[in-house]
PDB file of N, CA and C in Angstrom:
ATOM      1  N   MET A   1       0.831  -1.395  -0.029  1.00  0.00           N
ATOM      2  CA  MET A   1       0.218   0.001  -0.427  1.00  0.00           C
ATOM      3  C   MET A   1       0.996   1.339  -0.024  1.00  0.00           C
ATOM      4  N   ARG A   2       0.774   2.005  -0.518  1.00  0.00           N
ATOM      5  CA  ARG A   2       1.176   3.278  -0.822  1.00  0.00           C
ATOM      6  C   ARG A   2       0.609   4.838  -0.699  1.00  0.00           C
ATOM      7  N   PHE A   3       1.417   5.442   0.320  1.00  0.00           N
ATOM      8  CA  PHE A   3       0.639   6.652   0.951  1.00  0.00           C
ATOM      9  C   PHE A   3       0.993   7.683   0.035  1.00  0.00           C
ATOM     10  N   HIS A   4      -0.092   8.564   0.035  1.00  0.00           N
ATOM     11  CA  HIS A   4       0.250   9.819  -1.072  1.00  0.00           C
ATOM     12  C   HIS A   4       1.457  10.791  -0.840  1.00  0.00           C
ATOM     13  N   PRO A   5       2.047  10.893  -1.805  1.00  0.00           N
ATOM     14  CA  PRO A   5       2.994  11.825  -1.441  1.00  0.00           C
ATOM     15  C   PRO A   5       3.026  13.271  -0.812  1.00  0.00           C
ATOM     16  N   ASP A   6       1.489  13.451  -0.815  1.00  0.00           N
ATOM     17  CA  ASP A   6       0.574  15.227   0.311  1.00  0.00           C
ATOM     18  C   ASP A   6       0.782  14.523   1.073  1.00  0.00           C
ATOM     19  N   LEU A   7       0.754  13.633   1.868  1.00  0.00           N
ATOM     20  CA  LEU A   7      -0.098  13.001   2.916  1.00  0.00           C
ATOM     21  C   LEU A   7       1.580  13.191   3.707  1.00  0.00           C
ATOM     22  N   HIS A   8       1.408  13.783   5.060  1.00  0.00           N
ATOM     23  CA  HIS A   8       2.126  14.033   5.989  1.00  0.00           C
ATOM     24  C   HIS A   8       1.948  13.328   7.288  1.00  0.00           C
ATOM     25  N   LEU A   9       2.697  12.576   7.585  1.00  0.00           N
ATOM     26  CA  LEU A   9       1.817  11.966   9.363  1.00  0.00           C
ATOM     27  C   LEU A   9       2.218  13.061   9.762  1.00  0.00           C
ATOM     28  N   LYS A  10       3.115  14.230  10.022  1.00  0.00           N
ATOM     29  CA  LYS A  10       2.751  15.344  11.593  1.00  0.00           C
ATOM     30  C   LYS A  10       1.874  16.377  11.172  1.00  0.00           C
ATOM     31  N   ASP A  11       1.038  16.035   9.749  1.00  0.00           N
ATOM     32  CA  ASP A  11       0.287  16.995   9.551  1.00  0.00           C
ATOM     33  C   ASP A  11      -0.755  16.213   9.966  1.00  0.00           C
ATOM     34  N   LEU A  12      -1.132  14.730   9.641  1.00  0.00           N
ATOM     35  CA  LEU A  12      -2.110  14.047  10.646  1.00  0.00           C
ATOM     36  C   LEU A  12      -2.511  14.082  11.842  1.00  0.00           C
ATOM     37  N   SER A  13      -0.707  13.805  12.160  1.00  0.00           N
ATOM     38  CA  SER A  13      -1.116  13.818  14.604  1.00  0.00           C
ATOM     39  C   SER A  13      -1.062  15.138  14.654  1.00  0.00           C
ATOM     40  N   GLY A  14      -0.778  16.309  13.790  1.00  0.00           N
ATOM     41  CA  GLY A  14      -1.253  17.191  13.929  1.00  0.00           C
ATOM     42  C   GLY A  14      -2.743  17.545  14.589  1.00  0.00           C
ATOM     43  N   ARG A  15      -4.131  17.102  13.367  1.00  0.00           N
ATOM     44  CA  ARG A  15      -5.157  16.968  13.697  1.00  0.00           C
ATOM     45  C   ARG A  15      -5.501  16.559  14.323  1.00  0.00           C
ATOM     46  N   LEU A  16      -5.188  15.189  14.948  1.00  0.00           N
ATOM     47  CA  LEU A  16      -5.755  14.303  16.030  1.00  0.00           C
ATOM     48  C   LEU A  16      -5.375  14.570  17.399  1.00  0.00           C
ATOM     49  N   HIS A  17      -4.423  15.623  17.556  1.00  0.00           N
ATOM     50  CA  HIS A  17      -3.972  15.450  19.103  1.00  0.00           C
ATOM     51  C   HIS A  17      -4.107  16.952  19.063  1.00  0.00           C
ATOM     52  N   TRP A  18      -4.998  16.942  20.286  1.00  0.00           N
ATOM     53  CA  TRP A  18      -5.121  18.336  21.030  1.00  0.00           C
ATOM     54  C   TRP A  18      -4.228  19.151  22.450  1.00  0.00           C
ATOM     55  N   PRO A  19      -3.681  19.286  22.406  1.00  0.00           N
ATOM     56  CA  PRO A  19      -3.654  20.953  21.934  1.00  0.00           C
ATOM     57  C   PRO A  19      -3.260  21.126  20.003  1.00  0.00           C
ATOM     58  N   HIS A  20      -3.774  21.271  18.984  1.00  0.00           N
ATOM     59  CA  HIS A  20      -3.109  21.028  18.067  1.00  0.00           C
ATOM     60  C   HIS A  20      -1.777  21.925  18.055  1.00  0.00           C
ATOM     61  N   ARG A  21      -1.331  21.096  17.449  1.00  0.00           N
ATOM     62  CA  ARG A  21       0.019  21.593  16.604  1.00  0.00           C
ATOM     63  C   ARG A  21       0.022  22.085  15.185  1.00  0.00           C
ATOM     64  N   PRO A  22       0.518  23.013  14.682  1.00  0.00           N
ATOM     65  CA  PRO A  22       0.288  23.341  13.418  1.00  0.00           C
ATOM     66  C   PRO A  22       1.751  23.007  12.300  1.00  0.00           C
ATOM     67  N   GLY A  23       0.564  22.647  11.799  1.00  0.00           N
ATOM     68  CA  GLY A  23       1.498  21.531  10.325  1.00  0.00           C
ATOM     69  C   GLY A  23       1.773  22.717  10.106  1.00  0.00           C
ATOM     70  N   LEU A  24       2.748  21.967   8.664  1.00  0.00           N
ATOM     71  CA  LEU A  24       3.341  22.823   7.748  1.00  0.00           C
ATOM     72  C   LEU A  24       2.531  23.893   6.671  1.00  0.00           C
ATOM     73  N   HIS A  25       1.619  22.963   6.486  1.00  0.00           N
ATOM     74  CA  HIS A  25       0.840  23.555   5.075  1.00  0.00           C
ATOM     75  C   HIS A  25      -0.644  23.954   6.207  1.00  0.00           C
ATOM     76  N   THR A  26      -0.817  24.558   6.905  1.00  0.00           N
ATOM     77  CA  THR A  26      -1.677  25.401   7.451  1.00  0.00           C
ATOM     78  C   THR A  26      -1.586  26.869   7.321  1.00  0.00           C
ATOM     79  N   ASP A  27      -2.970  26.916   6.883  1.00  0.00           N
ATOM     80  CA  ASP A  27      -3.794  28.769   6.538  1.00  0.00           C
ATOM     81  C   ASP A  27      -4.169  28.861   7.894  1.00  0.00           C
ATOM     82  N   VAL A  28      -4.780  27.971   8.706  1.00  0.00           N
ATOM     83  CA  VAL A  28      -5.685  28.438   9.606  1.00  0.00           C
ATOM     84  C   VAL A  28      -5.429  29.439  10.860  1.00  0.00           C
ATOM     85  N   ILE A  29      -5.869  29.862  11.072  1.00  0.00           N
ATOM     86  CA  ILE A  29      -5.438  30.968  12.242  1.00  0.00           C
ATOM     87  C   ILE A  29      -5.720  29.831  13.426  1.00  0.00           C
ATOM     88  N   SER A  30      -4.710  29.876  14.523  1.00  0.00           N
ATOM     89  CA  SER A  30      -4.689  29.036  15.521  1.00  0.00           C
ATOM     90  C   SER A  30      -5.349  29.777  17.093  1.00  0.00           C
ATOM     91  N   HIS A  31      -5.522  28.695  17.676  1.00  0.00           N
ATOM     92  CA  HIS A  31      -6.887  29.028  18.775  1.00  0.00           C
ATOM     93  C   HIS A  31      -5.852  28.718  19.780  1.00  0.00           C
ATOM     94  N   HIS A  32      -5.380  29.798  20.951  1.00  0.00           N
ATOM     95  CA  HIS A  32      -4.702  29.378  21.897  1.00  0.00           C
ATOM     96  C   HIS A  32      -5.565  29.199  23.034  1.00  0.00           C
ATOM     97  N   HIS A  33      -5.426  28.700  23.982  1.00  0.00           N
ATOM     98  CA  HIS A  33      -6.261  28.377  24.907  1.00  0.00           C
ATOM     99  C   HIS A  33      -5.325  29.353  26.335  1.00  0.00           C
ATOM    100  N   SER A  34      -6.685  29.924  26.890  1.00  0.00           N
ATOM    101  CA  SER A  34      -6.020  30.695  28.261  1.00  0.00           C
ATOM    102  C   SER A  34      -5.744  29.045  29.630  1.00  0.00           C
ATOM    103  N   ALA A  35      -5.552  29.633  30.224  1.00  0.00           N
ATOM    104  CA  ALA A  35      -4.840  28.475  30.971  1.00  0.00           C
ATOM    105  C   ALA A  35      -6.495  28.520  32.062  1.00  0.00           C
ATOM    106  N   SER A  36      -7.358  29.533  32.093  1.00  0.00           N
ATOM    107  CA  SER A  36      -8.294  28.805  32.931  1.00  0.00           C
ATOM    108  C   SER A  36      -9.737  28.108  32.407  1.00  0.00           C
ATOM    109  N   GLU A  37      -9.502  28.368  30.875  1.00  0.00           N
ATOM    110  CA  GLU A  37      -9.986  27.198  29.980  1.00  0.00           C
ATOM    111  C   GLU A  37      -9.552  25.724  30.004  1.00  0.00           C
ATOM    112  N   ASP A  38      -8.085  25.663  30.144  1.00  0.00           N
ATOM    113  CA  ASP A  38      -7.742  24.387  29.737  1.00  0.00           C
ATOM    114  C   ASP A  38      -7.430  23.935  31.583  1.00  0.00           C
ATOM    115  N   ALA A  39      -7.888  24.974  32.277  1.00  0.00           N
ATOM    116  CA  ALA A  39      -8.016  24.443  34.068  1.00  0.00           C
ATOM    117  C   ALA A  39      -9.777  23.514  33.982  1.00  0.00           C
ATOM    118  N   GLU A  40     -10.884  24.555  33.334  1.00  0.00           N
ATOM    119  CA  GLU A  40     -11.781  24.038  33.370  1.00  0.00           C
ATOM    120  C   GLU A  40     -11.847  22.695  32.609  1.00  0.00           C
ATOM    121  N   VAL A  41     -11.280  22.155  31.625  1.00  0.00           N
ATOM    122  CA  VAL A  41     -11.266  21.086  30.605  1.00  0.00           C
ATOM    123  C   VAL A  41     -10.768  20.103  31.423  1.00  0.00           C
ATOM    124  N   ALA A  42      -9.552  20.205  32.475  1.00  0.00           N
ATOM    125  CA  ALA A  42      -9.271  19.405  33.379  1.00  0.00           C
ATOM    126  C   ALA A  42     -10.284  19.038  34.166  1.00  0.00           C
ATOM    127  N   LYS A  43     -10.588  19.801  34.805  1.00  0.00           N
ATOM    128  CA  LYS A  43     -11.480  19.250  35.602  1.00  0.00           C
ATOM    129  C   LYS A  43     -12.824  18.555  35.344  1.00  0.00           C
ATOM    130  N   ALA A  44     -13.569  19.224  33.927  1.00  0.00           N
ATOM    131  CA  ALA A  44     -14.551  18.326  33.558  1.00  0.00           C
ATOM    132  C   ALA A  44     -13.896  16.829  33.067  1.00  0.00           C
ATOM    133  N   THR A  45     -12.528  16.982  32.568  1.00  0.00           N
ATOM    134  CA  THR A  45     -12.165  15.510  32.281  1.00  0.00           C
ATOM    135  C   THR A  45     -12.157  15.057  33.473  1.00  0.00           C
ATOM    136  N   ILE A  46     -11.779  15.072  34.516  1.00  0.00           N
ATOM    137  CA  ILE A  46     -11.426  14.482  36.304  1.00  0.00           C
ATOM    138  C   ILE A  46     -12.934  14.255  36.858  1.00  0.00           C
ATOM    139  N   TYR A  47     -13.947  14.830  36.191  1.00  0.00           N
ATOM    140  CA  TYR A  47     -15.213  15.044  36.832  1.00  0.00           C
ATOM    141  C   TYR A  47     -16.047  13.715  36.352  1.00  0.00           C
ATOM    142  N   VAL A  48     -15.620  13.677  34.922  1.00  0.00           N
ATOM    143  CA  VAL A  48     -16.410  12.182  33.705  1.00  0.00           C
ATOM    144  C   VAL A  48     -15.645  10.911  34.482  1.00  0.00           C
ATOM    145  N   SER A  49     -14.408  11.415  34.472  1.00  0.00           N
ATOM    146  CA  SER A  49     -13.595  10.197  34.919  1.00  0.00           C
ATOM    147  C   SER A  49     -14.171   9.060  36.311  1.00  0.00           C
ATOM    148  N   ALA A  50     -14.007  10.448  37.065  1.00  0.00           N
ATOM    149  CA  ALA A  50     -14.869   9.900  38.400  1.00  0.00           C
ATOM    150  C   ALA A  50     -15.937   9.150  38.258  1.00  0.00           C
ATOM    151  N   LEU A  51     -16.842   9.728  37.566  1.00  0.00           N
ATOM    152  CA  LEU A  51     -18.579  10.189  37.270  1.00  0.00           C
ATOM    153  C   LEU A  51     -18.309   8.264  36.961  1.00  0.00           C
ATOM    154  N   THR A  52     -17.398   8.304  35.755  1.00  0.00           N
ATOM    155  CA  THR A  52     -17.117   6.757  34.602  1.00  0.00           C
ATOM    156  C   THR A  52     -17.221   5.283  36.099  1.00  0.00           C
ATOM    157  N   ALA A  53     -15.917   6.096  36.512  1.00  0.00           N
ATOM    158  CA  ALA A  53     -15.137   4.709  37.519  1.00  0.00           C
ATOM    159  C   ALA A  53     -17.116   4.350  38.877  1.00  0.00           C
ATOM    160  N   VAL A  54     -17.355   5.512  39.037  1.00  0.00           N
ATOM    161  CA  VAL A  54     -18.425   5.326  39.887  1.00  0.00           C
ATOM    162  C   VAL A  54     -19.861   4.165  39.625  1.00  0.00           C
ATOM    163  N   VAL A  55     -20.156   4.871  38.516  1.00  0.00           N
ATOM    164  CA  VAL A  55     -21.068   3.793  37.360  1.00  0.00           C
ATOM    165  C   VAL A  55     -20.405   2.333  37.419  1.00  0.00           C
ATOM    166  N   LEU A  56     -19.072   2.286  37.079  1.00  0.00           N
ATOM    167  CA  LEU A  56     -18.547   0.958  36.697  1.00  0.00           C
ATOM    168  C   LEU A  56     -18.660  -0.028  38.378  1.00  0.00           C
ATOM    169  N   LEU A  57     -18.649   0.696  38.966  1.00  0.00           N
ATOM    170  CA  LEU A  57     -18.142   0.322  40.645  1.00  0.00           C
ATOM    171  C   LEU A  57     -19.761  -0.230  40.404  1.00  0.00           C
ATOM    172  N   LEU A  58     -20.368   0.465  39.813  1.00  0.00           N
ATOM    173  CA  LEU A  58     -22.127  -0.168  41.065  1.00  0.00           C
ATOM    174  C   LEU A  58     -22.491  -0.737  39.806  1.00  0.00           C
ATOM    175  N   VAL A  59     -22.003  -1.027  38.545  1.00  0.00           N
ATOM    176  CA  VAL A  59     -22.552  -2.329  37.845  1.00  0.00           C
ATOM    177  C   VAL A  59     -21.868  -3.337  38.258  1.00  0.00           C
ATOM    178  N   LEU A  60     -20.519  -3.548  38.680  1.00  0.00           N
ATOM    179  CA  LEU A  60     -19.925  -4.790  39.047  1.00  0.00           C
ATOM    180  C   LEU A  60     -20.493  -5.128  39.906  1.00  0.00           C
ATOM    181  N   ALA A  61     -20.841  -4.111  41.032  1.00  0.00           N
ATOM    182  CA  ALA A  61     -21.192  -4.119  42.853  1.00  0.00           C
ATOM    183  C   ALA A  61     -22.609  -5.420  42.418  1.00  0.00           C
ATOM    184  N   GLY A  62     -23.075  -4.829  41.512  1.00  0.00           N
ATOM    185  CA  GLY A  62     -24.874  -5.132  41.179  1.00  0.00           C
ATOM    186  C   GLY A  62     -24.505  -6.717  40.878  1.00  0.00           C
ATOM    187  N   ILE A  63     -23.358  -6.486  39.438  1.00  0.00           N
ATOM    188  CA  ILE A  63     -23.300  -8.251  38.905  1.00  0.00           C
ATOM    189  C   ILE A  63     -22.895  -9.251  40.209  1.00  0.00           C
ATOM    190  N   SER A  64     -22.152  -8.701  41.070  1.00  0.00           N
ATOM    191  CA  SER A  64     -21.841  -9.574  41.895  1.00  0.00           C
ATOM    192  C   SER A  64     -22.804  -9.684  43.068  1.00  0.00           C
ATOM    193  N   PHE A  65     -23.714  -8.800  43.244  1.00  0.00           N
ATOM    194  CA  PHE A  65     -24.890  -9.319  44.086  1.00  0.00           C
ATOM    195  C   PHE A  65     -25.605 -10.285  43.633  1.00  0.00           C
ATOM    196  N   GLY A  66     -25.864  -9.554  42.071  1.00  0.00           N
ATOM    197  CA  GLY A  66     -26.682 -11.292  40.993  1.00  0.00           C
ATOM    198  C   GLY A  66     -26.320 -11.893  41.043  1.00  0.00           C
ATOM    199  N   GLN A  67     -24.912 -12.825  40.931  1.00  0.00           N
ATOM    200  CA  GLN A  67     -23.989 -13.664  41.046  1.00  0.00           C
ATOM    201  C   GLN A  67     -24.545 -14.246  42.948  1.00  0.00           C
ATOM    202  N   GLU A  68     -24.445 -14.154  44.203  1.00  0.00           N
ATOM    203  CA  GLU A  68     -24.684 -13.929  45.129  1.00  0.00           C
ATOM    204  C   GLU A  68     -25.972 -14.621  45.392  1.00  0.00           C
ATOM    205  N   VAL A  69     -26.937 -13.824  45.146  1.00  0.00           N
ATOM    206  CA  VAL A  69     -28.554 -13.798  45.264  1.00  0.00           C
ATOM    207  C   VAL A  69     -29.194 -15.365  44.535  1.00  0.00           C
ATOM    208  N   MET A  70     -28.591 -15.270  43.018  1.00  0.00           N
ATOM    209  CA  MET A  70     -28.919 -16.797  42.392  1.00  0.00           C
ATOM    210  C   MET A  70     -28.184 -18.024  43.521  1.00  0.00           C
ATOM    211  N   HIS A  71     -26.650 -17.617  44.079  1.00  0.00           N
ATOM    212  CA  HIS A  71     -26.419 -18.452  44.302  1.00  0.00           C
ATOM    213  C   HIS A  71     -27.326 -18.841  46.330  1.00  0.00           C
ATOM    214  N   TRP A  72     -27.657 -17.827  46.395  1.00  0.00           N
ATOM    215  CA  TRP A  72     -28.638 -18.428  47.658  1.00  0.00           C
ATOM    216  C   TRP A  72     -30.051 -18.876  47.353  1.00  0.00           C
ATOM    217  N   LEU A  73     -30.224 -18.958  46.173  1.00  0.00           N
ATOM    218  CA  LEU A  73     -31.912 -19.486  45.321  1.00  0.00           C
ATOM    219  C   LEU A  73     -31.686 -21.006  45.023  1.00  0.00           C
ATOM    220  N   GLY A  74     -30.121 -21.288  45.203  1.00  0.00           N
ATOM    221  CA  GLY A  74     -29.977 -22.314  44.257  1.00  0.00           C
ATOM    222  C   GLY A  74     -29.722 -22.749  43.089  1.00  0.00           C
ATOM    223  N   ALA A  75     -29.886 -21.298  41.975  1.00  0.00           N
ATOM    224  CA  ALA A  75     -29.932 -21.868  40.699  1.00  0.00           C
ATOM    225  C   ALA A  75     -28.265 -22.107  40.384  1.00  0.00           C
ATOM    226  N   ASN A  76     -27.856 -22.879  39.761  1.00  0.00           N
ATOM    227  CA  ASN A  76     -26.792 -22.833  39.118  1.00  0.00           C
ATOM    228  C   ASN A  76     -26.479 -22.102  37.840  1.00  0.00           C
TER     229      ASN A  76
END
């Protein structure tokens, strides 16, 4: 498989990663985030991660409890 000669991996990685790295052939005005905006993003990321962990723990606890109930009822 051959890649097109105009396809540069640095440009592709710049499109995928945040904060965006300016590529060699970009004509788009870059937007710089302030420290307060970055702090809000970090807080939101931690909040979503913690909420996801709590939900996952609740689901796993429910599965474990359900297995114990099935054992108590004698179902195999």
